[in-house]
Amino acid sequence: MNKKTIYLLLFVSGIFLLFYGSRAVNTISVYISIAGVVLVMYSLFKISTVWVKRNDEEEKNTE
C-alpha cells in the first residue's frame, strides 16, 4: 500500500467518525466528531502534499 491509499482510508474513516459523532448528542460523541474533523484535515493536508511532490517530480522529469 502506498501513502495515498493510507491517507484516503484516514479521510474516509474521519468522515465516518464525523457522521457517527453527530448522530448521538453527549460529550463522548463531541470528542468523536472532533477526532473525525482532525483526521479529515490531516489526511487532506497529507494527500495534497503528496500530490504536490509528485507533480513537481513529474515536471522535473519532463525537462
C-alpha atoms as a PDB file:
ATOM      1  CA  MET A   1       0.000   0.000   0.000  1.00  0.00           C
ATOM      2  CA  ASN A   2       1.305   3.416  -0.905  1.00  0.00           C
ATOM      3  CA  LYS A   3       0.881   6.565   1.129  1.00  0.00           C
ATOM      4  CA  LYS A   4      -2.011   7.930  -0.906  1.00  0.00           C
ATOM      5  CA  THR A   5      -4.275   4.947  -0.189  1.00  0.00           C
ATOM      6  CA  ILE A   6      -3.455   5.124   3.527  1.00  0.00           C
ATOM      7  CA  TYR A   7      -4.381   8.819   3.630  1.00  0.00           C
ATOM      8  CA  LEU A   8      -7.570   8.144   1.664  1.00  0.00           C
ATOM      9  CA  LEU A   9      -8.510   5.499   4.247  1.00  0.00           C
ATOM     10  CA  LEU A  10      -7.841   8.040   7.008  1.00  0.00           C
ATOM     11  CA  PHE A  11     -10.071  10.532   5.169  1.00  0.00           C
ATOM     12  CA  VAL A  12     -12.936   8.043   4.851  1.00  0.00           C
ATOM     13  CA  SER A  13     -12.667   6.960   8.492  1.00  0.00           C
ATOM     14  CA  GLY A  14     -12.625  10.619   9.562  1.00  0.00           C
ATOM     15  CA  ILE A  15     -15.857  11.281   7.672  1.00  0.00           C
ATOM     16  CA  PHE A  16     -17.369   8.138   9.222  1.00  0.00           C
ATOM     17  CA  LEU A  17     -16.401   9.361  12.708  1.00  0.00           C
ATOM     18  CA  LEU A  18     -17.897  12.765  11.918  1.00  0.00           C
ATOM     19  CA  PHE A  19     -21.289  11.306  10.980  1.00  0.00           C
ATOM     20  CA  TYR A  20     -21.203   8.807  13.852  1.00  0.00           C
ATOM     21  CA  GLY A  21     -20.423  11.559  16.360  1.00  0.00           C
ATOM     22  CA  SER A  22     -23.079  13.919  15.021  1.00  0.00           C
ATOM     23  CA  ARG A  23     -25.879  11.359  15.405  1.00  0.00           C
ATOM     24  CA  ALA A  24     -25.774  10.998  19.195  1.00  0.00           C
ATOM     25  CA  VAL A  25     -25.634  14.005  21.495  1.00  0.00           C
ATOM     26  CA  ASN A  26     -23.380  13.546  24.506  1.00  0.00           C
ATOM     27  CA  THR A  27     -19.854  14.526  25.451  1.00  0.00           C
ATOM     28  CA  ILE A  28     -18.243  11.382  24.012  1.00  0.00           C
ATOM     29  CA  SER A  29     -19.826  11.958  20.589  1.00  0.00           C
ATOM     30  CA  VAL A  30     -18.474  15.519  20.585  1.00  0.00           C
ATOM     31  CA  TYR A  31     -14.959  14.164  21.078  1.00  0.00           C
ATOM     32  CA  ILE A  32     -15.559  11.538  18.367  1.00  0.00           C
ATOM     33  CA  SER A  33     -16.677  14.182  15.870  1.00  0.00           C
ATOM     34  CA  ILE A  34     -13.682  16.402  16.767  1.00  0.00           C
ATOM     35  CA  ALA A  35     -11.401  13.416  16.131  1.00  0.00           C
ATOM     36  CA  GLY A  36     -13.152  12.916  12.783  1.00  0.00           C
ATOM     37  CA  VAL A  37     -12.536  16.551  11.829  1.00  0.00           C
ATOM     38  CA  VAL A  38      -8.862  16.248  12.803  1.00  0.00           C
ATOM     39  CA  LEU A  39      -8.496  13.043  10.752  1.00  0.00           C
ATOM     40  CA  VAL A  40     -10.149  14.642   7.710  1.00  0.00           C
ATOM     41  CA  MET A  41      -7.999  17.784   7.888  1.00  0.00           C
ATOM     42  CA  TYR A  42      -4.776  15.814   8.463  1.00  0.00           C
ATOM     43  CA  SER A  43      -5.433  13.385   5.623  1.00  0.00           C
ATOM     44  CA  LEU A  44      -6.402  16.204   3.234  1.00  0.00           C
ATOM     45  CA  PHE A  45      -3.195  18.042   4.114  1.00  0.00           C
ATOM     46  CA  LYS A  46      -1.083  14.927   3.594  1.00  0.00           C
ATOM     47  CA  ILE A  47      -2.821  13.997   0.324  1.00  0.00           C
ATOM     48  CA  SER A  48      -2.261  17.498  -1.047  1.00  0.00           C
ATOM     49  CA  THR A  49       1.439  17.472  -0.115  1.00  0.00           C
ATOM     50  CA  VAL A  50       1.914  14.011  -1.662  1.00  0.00           C
ATOM     51  CA  TRP A  51       0.281  15.147  -4.915  1.00  0.00           C
ATOM     52  CA  VAL A  52       2.262  18.393  -4.999  1.00  0.00           C
ATOM     53  CA  LYS A  53       5.527  16.467  -4.568  1.00  0.00           C
ATOM     54  CA  ARG A  54       4.533  14.015  -7.294  1.00  0.00           C
ATOM     55  CA  ASN A  55       3.651  16.847  -9.711  1.00  0.00           C
ATOM     56  CA  ASP A  56       6.982  18.558  -9.025  1.00  0.00           C
ATOM     57  CA  GLU A  57       8.867  15.323  -9.717  1.00  0.00           C
ATOM     58  CA  GLU A  58       6.969  14.789 -12.982  1.00  0.00           C
ATOM     59  CA  GLU A  59       7.795  18.325 -14.122  1.00  0.00           C
ATOM     60  CA  LYS A  60      11.484  17.771 -13.357  1.00  0.00           C
ATOM     61  CA  ASN A  61      11.480  14.503 -15.295  1.00  0.00           C
ATOM     62  CA  THR A  62       9.963  16.072 -18.403  1.00  0.00           C
ATOM     63  CA  GLU A  63      12.583  18.833 -18.599  1.00  0.00           C
END
